[in-house]
Amino acid sequence: PLTFIINQVREVVIWGRLPDWAGLGIY
């Protein structure tokens, strides 16, 4: 359960991309 959130934190902070909204909704 930590992998997805860790990846999304890196998306918005490190890579400057929008998170996976569908994945966040399911999560």
PDB file of all heavy atoms in Angstrom:
ATOM      1  N   PRO A   1       0.795  -1.235   0.000  1.00  0.00           N
ATOM      2  CA  PRO A   1       0.000   0.000   0.000  1.00  0.00           C
ATOM      3  C   PRO A   1       0.823   1.279   0.000  1.00  0.00           C
ATOM      4  O   PRO A   1       0.283   2.352  -0.279  1.00  0.00           O
ATOM      5  CB  PRO A   1      -0.822  -0.119   1.294  1.00  0.00           C
ATOM      6  CG  PRO A   1      -0.057  -1.065   2.153  1.00  0.00           C
ATOM      7  CD  PRO A   1       0.565  -2.048   1.218  1.00  0.00           C
ATOM      8  N   LEU A   2       2.113   1.181   0.304  1.00  0.00           N
ATOM      9  CA  LEU A   2       2.952   2.377   0.322  1.00  0.00           C
ATOM     10  C   LEU A   2       3.485   2.728  -1.065  1.00  0.00           C
ATOM     11  O   LEU A   2       3.748   3.897  -1.356  1.00  0.00           O
ATOM     12  CB  LEU A   2       4.140   2.169   1.273  1.00  0.00           C
ATOM     13  CG  LEU A   2       3.802   1.952   2.751  1.00  0.00           C
ATOM     14  CD1 LEU A   2       5.078   1.778   3.564  1.00  0.00           C
ATOM     15  CD2 LEU A   2       2.991   3.112   3.300  1.00  0.00           C
ATOM     16  N   THR A   3       3.640   1.738  -1.914  1.00  0.00           N
ATOM     17  CA  THR A   3       4.250   1.961  -3.223  1.00  0.00           C
ATOM     18  C   THR A   3       3.504   3.002  -4.046  1.00  0.00           C
ATOM     19  O   THR A   3       4.111   3.922  -4.605  1.00  0.00           O
ATOM     20  CB  THR A   3       4.335   0.639  -4.009  1.00  0.00           C
ATOM     21  OG1 THR A   3       5.251  -0.238  -3.348  1.00  0.00           O
ATOM     22  CG2 THR A   3       4.816   0.869  -5.434  1.00  0.00           C
ATOM     23  N   PHE A   4       2.200   2.877  -4.123  1.00  0.00           N
ATOM     24  CA  PHE A   4       1.423   3.799  -4.953  1.00  0.00           C
ATOM     25  C   PHE A   4       1.543   5.233  -4.451  1.00  0.00           C
ATOM     26  O   PHE A   4       1.769   6.163  -5.243  1.00  0.00           O
ATOM     27  CB  PHE A   4      -0.052   3.377  -4.976  1.00  0.00           C
ATOM     28  CG  PHE A   4      -0.928   4.299  -5.779  1.00  0.00           C
ATOM     29  CD1 PHE A   4      -0.918   4.249  -7.154  1.00  0.00           C
ATOM     30  CD2 PHE A   4      -1.739   5.239  -5.147  1.00  0.00           C
ATOM     31  CE1 PHE A   4      -1.714   5.114  -7.905  1.00  0.00           C
ATOM     32  CE2 PHE A   4      -2.545   6.099  -5.879  1.00  0.00           C
ATOM     33  CZ  PHE A   4      -2.515   6.036  -7.266  1.00  0.00           C
ATOM     34  N   ILE A   5       1.411   5.434  -3.145  1.00  0.00           N
ATOM     35  CA  ILE A   5       1.475   6.792  -2.591  1.00  0.00           C
ATOM     36  C   ILE A   5       2.875   7.372  -2.755  1.00  0.00           C
ATOM     37  O   ILE A   5       3.033   8.556  -3.100  1.00  0.00           O
ATOM     38  CB  ILE A   5       1.067   6.793  -1.104  1.00  0.00           C
ATOM     39  CG1 ILE A   5      -0.390   6.341  -0.951  1.00  0.00           C
ATOM     40  CG2 ILE A   5       1.246   8.178  -0.505  1.00  0.00           C
ATOM     41  CD1 ILE A   5      -1.403   7.227  -1.639  1.00  0.00           C
ATOM     42  N   ILE A   6       3.893   6.559  -2.527  1.00  0.00           N
ATOM     43  CA  ILE A   6       5.269   7.026  -2.717  1.00  0.00           C
ATOM     44  C   ILE A   6       5.482   7.487  -4.158  1.00  0.00           C
ATOM     45  O   ILE A   6       6.063   8.552  -4.412  1.00  0.00           O
ATOM     46  CB  ILE A   6       6.272   5.907  -2.359  1.00  0.00           C
ATOM     47  CG1 ILE A   6       6.293   5.674  -0.849  1.00  0.00           C
ATOM     48  CG2 ILE A   6       7.680   6.257  -2.855  1.00  0.00           C
ATOM     49  CD1 ILE A   6       7.107   4.468  -0.422  1.00  0.00           C
ATOM     50  N   ASN A   7       4.993   6.709  -5.090  1.00  0.00           N
ATOM     51  CA  ASN A   7       5.138   7.073  -6.503  1.00  0.00           C
ATOM     52  C   ASN A   7       4.406   8.372  -6.827  1.00  0.00           C
ATOM     53  O   ASN A   7       4.901   9.197  -7.606  1.00  0.00           O
ATOM     54  CB  ASN A   7       4.608   5.946  -7.393  1.00  0.00           C
ATOM     55  CG  ASN A   7       5.499   4.720  -7.368  1.00  0.00           C
ATOM     56  OD1 ASN A   7       6.652   4.789  -6.958  1.00  0.00           O
ATOM     57  ND2 ASN A   7       4.967   3.587  -7.793  1.00  0.00           N
ATOM     58  N   GLN A   8       3.220   8.560  -6.235  1.00  0.00           N
ATOM     59  CA  GLN A   8       2.448   9.769  -6.510  1.00  0.00           C
ATOM     60  C   GLN A   8       3.088  11.000  -5.878  1.00  0.00           C
ATOM     61  O   GLN A   8       3.030  12.104  -6.445  1.00  0.00           O
ATOM     62  CB  GLN A   8       1.005   9.598  -6.008  1.00  0.00           C
ATOM     63  CG  GLN A   8       0.234   8.485  -6.678  1.00  0.00           C
ATOM     64  CD  GLN A   8       0.346   8.528  -8.191  1.00  0.00           C
ATOM     65  OE1 GLN A   8      -0.030   9.525  -8.815  1.00  0.00           O
ATOM     66  NE2 GLN A   8       0.860   7.461  -8.791  1.00  0.00           N
ATOM     67  N   VAL A   9       3.687  10.840  -4.702  1.00  0.00           N
ATOM     68  CA  VAL A   9       4.405  11.958  -4.077  1.00  0.00           C
ATOM     69  C   VAL A   9       5.561  12.384  -4.981  1.00  0.00           C
ATOM     70  O   VAL A   9       5.806  13.581  -5.189  1.00  0.00           O
ATOM     71  CB  VAL A   9       4.931  11.559  -2.677  1.00  0.00           C
ATOM     72  CG1 VAL A   9       5.922  12.602  -2.149  1.00  0.00           C
ATOM     73  CG2 VAL A   9       3.766  11.424  -1.698  1.00  0.00           C
ATOM     74  N   ARG A  10       6.273  11.427  -5.515  1.00  0.00           N
ATOM     75  CA  ARG A  10       7.376  11.748  -6.420  1.00  0.00           C
ATOM     76  C   ARG A  10       6.870  12.389  -7.709  1.00  0.00           C
ATOM     77  O   ARG A  10       7.529  13.270  -8.273  1.00  0.00           O
ATOM     78  CB  ARG A  10       8.176  10.476  -6.737  1.00  0.00           C
ATOM     79  CG  ARG A  10       9.036  10.007  -5.574  1.00  0.00           C
ATOM     80  CD  ARG A  10       9.626   8.646  -5.829  1.00  0.00           C
ATOM     81  NE  ARG A  10      10.532   8.240  -4.747  1.00  0.00           N
ATOM     82  CZ  ARG A  10      10.810   6.984  -4.450  1.00  0.00           C
ATOM     83  NH1 ARG A  10      10.264   5.998  -5.162  1.00  0.00           N
ATOM     84  NH2 ARG A  10      11.634   6.692  -3.458  1.00  0.00           N
ATOM     85  N   GLU A  11       5.720  11.948  -8.178  1.00  0.00           N
ATOM     86  CA  GLU A  11       5.152  12.529  -9.398  1.00  0.00           C
ATOM     87  C   GLU A  11       4.939  14.029  -9.244  1.00  0.00           C
ATOM     88  O   GLU A  11       5.312  14.816 -10.116  1.00  0.00           O
ATOM     89  CB  GLU A  11       3.822  11.842  -9.744  1.00  0.00           C
ATOM     90  CG  GLU A  11       3.957  10.442 -10.310  1.00  0.00           C
ATOM     91  CD  GLU A  11       4.523  10.426 -11.716  1.00  0.00           C
ATOM     92  OE1 GLU A  11       4.241  11.351 -12.493  1.00  0.00           O
ATOM     93  OE2 GLU A  11       5.271   9.486 -12.033  1.00  0.00           O
ATOM     94  N   VAL A  12       4.304  14.430  -8.127  1.00  0.00           N
ATOM     95  CA  VAL A  12       3.935  15.846  -7.964  1.00  0.00           C
ATOM     96  C   VAL A  12       5.099  16.707  -7.472  1.00  0.00           C
ATOM     97  O   VAL A  12       5.158  17.898  -7.779  1.00  0.00           O
ATOM     98  CB  VAL A  12       2.730  15.991  -7.012  1.00  0.00           C
ATOM     99  CG1 VAL A  12       1.517  15.261  -7.577  1.00  0.00           C
ATOM    100  CG2 VAL A  12       3.050  15.491  -5.609  1.00  0.00           C
ATOM    101  N   VAL A  13       6.038  16.113  -6.719  1.00  0.00           N
ATOM    102  CA  VAL A  13       7.139  16.898  -6.154  1.00  0.00           C
ATOM    103  C   VAL A  13       8.380  16.846  -7.037  1.00  0.00           C
ATOM    104  O   VAL A  13       8.957  17.890  -7.374  1.00  0.00           O
ATOM    105  CB  VAL A  13       7.497  16.413  -4.726  1.00  0.00           C
ATOM    106  CG1 VAL A  13       8.723  17.149  -4.206  1.00  0.00           C
ATOM    107  CG2 VAL A  13       6.328  16.630  -3.782  1.00  0.00           C
ATOM    108  N   ILE A  14       8.805  15.657  -7.412  1.00  0.00           N
ATOM    109  CA  ILE A  14      10.071  15.493  -8.139  1.00  0.00           C
ATOM    110  C   ILE A  14       9.907  15.702  -9.640  1.00  0.00           C
ATOM    111  O   ILE A  14      10.675  16.434 -10.272  1.00  0.00           O
ATOM    112  CB  ILE A  14      10.674  14.097  -7.884  1.00  0.00           C
ATOM    113  CG1 ILE A  14      10.819  13.831  -6.377  1.00  0.00           C
ATOM    114  CG2 ILE A  14      12.022  13.977  -8.602  1.00  0.00           C
ATOM    115  CD1 ILE A  14      11.765  14.751  -5.664  1.00  0.00           C
ATOM    116  N   TRP A  15       8.893  15.058 -10.214  1.00  0.00           N
ATOM    117  CA  TRP A  15       8.755  15.078 -11.678  1.00  0.00           C
ATOM    118  C   TRP A  15       7.850  16.203 -12.175  1.00  0.00           C
ATOM    119  O   TRP A  15       7.855  16.511 -13.371  1.00  0.00           O
ATOM    120  CB  TRP A  15       8.219  13.736 -12.178  1.00  0.00           C
ATOM    121  CG  TRP A  15       8.919  12.539 -11.628  1.00  0.00           C
ATOM    122  CD1 TRP A  15       8.363  11.506 -10.929  1.00  0.00           C
ATOM    123  CD2 TRP A  15      10.324  12.229 -11.703  1.00  0.00           C
ATOM    124  NE1 TRP A  15       9.312  10.576 -10.568  1.00  0.00           N
ATOM    125  CE2 TRP A  15      10.530  10.998 -11.034  1.00  0.00           C
ATOM    126  CE3 TRP A  15      11.418  12.866 -12.276  1.00  0.00           C
ATOM    127  CZ2 TRP A  15      11.784  10.408 -10.915  1.00  0.00           C
ATOM    128  CZ3 TRP A  15      12.676  12.289 -12.161  1.00  0.00           C
ATOM    129  CH2 TRP A  15      12.843  11.075 -11.496  1.00  0.00           C
ATOM    130  N   GLY A  16       7.056  16.797 -11.282  1.00  0.00           N
ATOM    131  CA  GLY A  16       6.194  17.906 -11.693  1.00  0.00           C
ATOM    132  C   GLY A  16       5.023  17.487 -12.555  1.00  0.00           C
ATOM    133  O   GLY A  16       4.549  18.264 -13.395  1.00  0.00           O
ATOM    134  N   ARG A  17       4.548  16.258 -12.351  1.00  0.00           N
ATOM    135  CA  ARG A  17       3.405  15.754 -13.127  1.00  0.00           C
ATOM    136  C   ARG A  17       2.179  15.612 -12.237  1.00  0.00           C
ATOM    137  O   ARG A  17       2.286  15.509 -11.009  1.00  0.00           O
ATOM    138  CB  ARG A  17       3.759  14.404 -13.768  1.00  0.00           C
ATOM    139  CG  ARG A  17       4.897  14.480 -14.766  1.00  0.00           C
ATOM    140  CD  ARG A  17       5.018  13.193 -15.563  1.00  0.00           C
ATOM    141  NE  ARG A  17       5.576  12.110 -14.761  1.00  0.00           N
ATOM    142  CZ  ARG A  17       6.817  11.643 -14.888  1.00  0.00           C
ATOM    143  NH1 ARG A  17       7.641  12.193 -15.770  1.00  0.00           N
ATOM    144  NH2 ARG A  17       7.239  10.639 -14.141  1.00  0.00           N
ATOM    145  N   LEU A  18       1.016  15.579 -12.866  1.00  0.00           N
ATOM    146  CA  LEU A  18      -0.219  15.380 -12.116  1.00  0.00           C
ATOM    147  C   LEU A  18      -0.294  13.946 -11.613  1.00  0.00           C
ATOM    148  O   LEU A  18       0.223  13.028 -12.254  1.00  0.00           O
ATOM    149  CB  LEU A  18      -1.430  15.681 -13.005  1.00  0.00           C
ATOM    150  CG  LEU A  18      -1.644  17.147 -13.402  1.00  0.00           C
ATOM    151  CD1 LEU A  18      -2.803  17.250 -14.392  1.00  0.00           C
ATOM    152  CD2 LEU A  18      -1.925  18.008 -12.175  1.00  0.00           C
ATOM    153  N   PRO A  19      -0.931  13.735 -10.466  1.00  0.00           N
ATOM    154  CA  PRO A  19      -1.039  12.368  -9.933  1.00  0.00           C
ATOM    155  C   PRO A  19      -2.018  11.538 -10.738  1.00  0.00           C
ATOM    156  O   PRO A  19      -2.771  12.063 -11.576  1.00  0.00           O
ATOM    157  CB  PRO A  19      -1.537  12.596  -8.499  1.00  0.00           C
ATOM    158  CG  PRO A  19      -2.296  13.882  -8.566  1.00  0.00           C
ATOM    159  CD  PRO A  19      -1.551  14.726  -9.567  1.00  0.00           C
ATOM    160  N   ASP A  20      -2.042  10.271 -10.469  1.00  0.00           N
ATOM    161  CA  ASP A  20      -2.984   9.348 -11.090  1.00  0.00           C
ATOM    162  C   ASP A  20      -4.310   9.475 -10.354  1.00  0.00           C
ATOM    163  O   ASP A  20      -4.542   8.844  -9.327  1.00  0.00           O
ATOM    164  CB  ASP A  20      -2.444   7.916 -10.987  1.00  0.00           C
ATOM    165  CG  ASP A  20      -3.380   6.882 -11.578  1.00  0.00           C
ATOM    166  OD1 ASP A  20      -4.474   7.260 -12.057  1.00  0.00           O
ATOM    167  OD2 ASP A  20      -3.038   5.684 -11.559  1.00  0.00           O
ATOM    168  N   TRP A  21      -5.210  10.320 -10.884  1.00  0.00           N
ATOM    169  CA  TRP A  21      -6.466  10.612 -10.187  1.00  0.00           C
ATOM    170  C   TRP A  21      -7.335   9.372 -10.029  1.00  0.00           C
ATOM    171  O   TRP A  21      -7.949   9.170  -8.976  1.00  0.00           O
ATOM    172  CB  TRP A  21      -7.242  11.702 -10.917  1.00  0.00           C
ATOM    173  CG  TRP A  21      -6.578  13.040 -10.912  1.00  0.00           C
ATOM    174  CD1 TRP A  21      -6.092  13.730 -11.987  1.00  0.00           C
ATOM    175  CD2 TRP A  21      -6.295  13.865  -9.769  1.00  0.00           C
ATOM    176  NE1 TRP A  21      -5.537  14.922 -11.598  1.00  0.00           N
ATOM    177  CE2 TRP A  21      -5.652  15.033 -10.238  1.00  0.00           C
ATOM    178  CE3 TRP A  21      -6.532  13.718  -8.401  1.00  0.00           C
ATOM    179  CZ2 TRP A  21      -5.239  16.054  -9.384  1.00  0.00           C
ATOM    180  CZ3 TRP A  21      -6.123  14.740  -7.543  1.00  0.00           C
ATOM    181  CH2 TRP A  21      -5.490  15.881  -8.029  1.00  0.00           C
ATOM    182  N   ALA A  22      -7.392   8.555 -11.062  1.00  0.00           N
ATOM    183  CA  ALA A  22      -8.201   7.337 -10.986  1.00  0.00           C
ATOM    184  C   ALA A  22      -7.654   6.410  -9.913  1.00  0.00           C
ATOM    185  O   ALA A  22      -8.407   5.845  -9.103  1.00  0.00           O
ATOM    186  CB  ALA A  22      -8.217   6.635 -12.343  1.00  0.00           C
ATOM    187  N   GLY A  23      -6.328   6.258  -9.899  1.00  0.00           N
ATOM    188  CA  GLY A  23      -5.703   5.419  -8.877  1.00  0.00           C
ATOM    189  C   GLY A  23      -5.934   5.951  -7.480  1.00  0.00           C
ATOM    190  O   GLY A  23      -6.196   5.187  -6.538  1.00  0.00           O
ATOM    191  N   LEU A  24      -5.854   7.276  -7.325  1.00  0.00           N
ATOM    192  CA  LEU A  24      -6.097   7.886  -6.016  1.00  0.00           C
ATOM    193  C   LEU A  24      -7.540   7.678  -5.572  1.00  0.00           C
ATOM    194  O   LEU A  24      -7.818   7.478  -4.382  1.00  0.00           O
ATOM    195  CB  LEU A  24      -5.779   9.381  -6.056  1.00  0.00           C
ATOM    196  CG  LEU A  24      -4.303   9.784  -5.929  1.00  0.00           C
ATOM    197  CD1 LEU A  24      -4.163  11.292  -6.076  1.00  0.00           C
ATOM    198  CD2 LEU A  24      -3.741   9.330  -4.584  1.00  0.00           C
ATOM    199  N   GLY A  25      -8.457   7.723  -6.535  1.00  0.00           N
ATOM    200  CA  GLY A  25      -9.869   7.503  -6.202  1.00  0.00           C
ATOM    201  C   GLY A  25     -10.105   6.096  -5.689  1.00  0.00           C
ATOM    202  O   GLY A  25     -10.786   5.900  -4.667  1.00  0.00           O
ATOM    203  N   ILE A  26      -9.539   5.116  -6.388  1.00  0.00           N
ATOM    204  CA  ILE A  26      -9.670   3.717  -5.962  1.00  0.00           C
ATOM    205  C   ILE A  26      -8.999   3.512  -4.604  1.00  0.00           C
ATOM    206  O   ILE A  26      -9.548   2.847  -3.718  1.00  0.00           O
ATOM    207  CB  ILE A  26      -9.053   2.781  -7.020  1.00  0.00           C
ATOM    208  CG1 ILE A  26      -9.832   2.875  -8.332  1.00  0.00           C
ATOM    209  CG2 ILE A  26      -9.027   1.334  -6.521  1.00  0.00           C
ATOM    210  CD1 ILE A  26      -9.197   2.120  -9.493  1.00  0.00           C
ATOM    211  N   TYR A  27      -7.824   4.093  -4.436  1.00  0.00           N
ATOM    212  CA  TYR A  27      -7.080   3.966  -3.179  1.00  0.00           C
ATOM    213  C   TYR A  27      -7.896   4.558  -2.025  1.00  0.00           C
ATOM    214  O   TYR A  27      -7.939   3.993  -0.931  1.00  0.00           O
ATOM    215  CB  TYR A  27      -5.743   4.696  -3.310  1.00  0.00           C
ATOM    216  CG  TYR A  27      -4.723   4.342  -2.246  1.00  0.00           C
ATOM    217  CD1 TYR A  27      -3.653   3.503  -2.534  1.00  0.00           C
ATOM    218  CD2 TYR A  27      -4.814   4.861  -0.948  1.00  0.00           C
ATOM    219  CE1 TYR A  27      -2.702   3.188  -1.572  1.00  0.00           C
ATOM    220  CE2 TYR A  27      -3.877   4.544   0.018  1.00  0.00           C
ATOM    221  CZ  TYR A  27      -2.830   3.709  -0.299  1.00  0.00           C
ATOM    222  OH  TYR A  27      -1.897   3.398   0.673  1.00  0.00           O
TER     223      TYR A  27
END
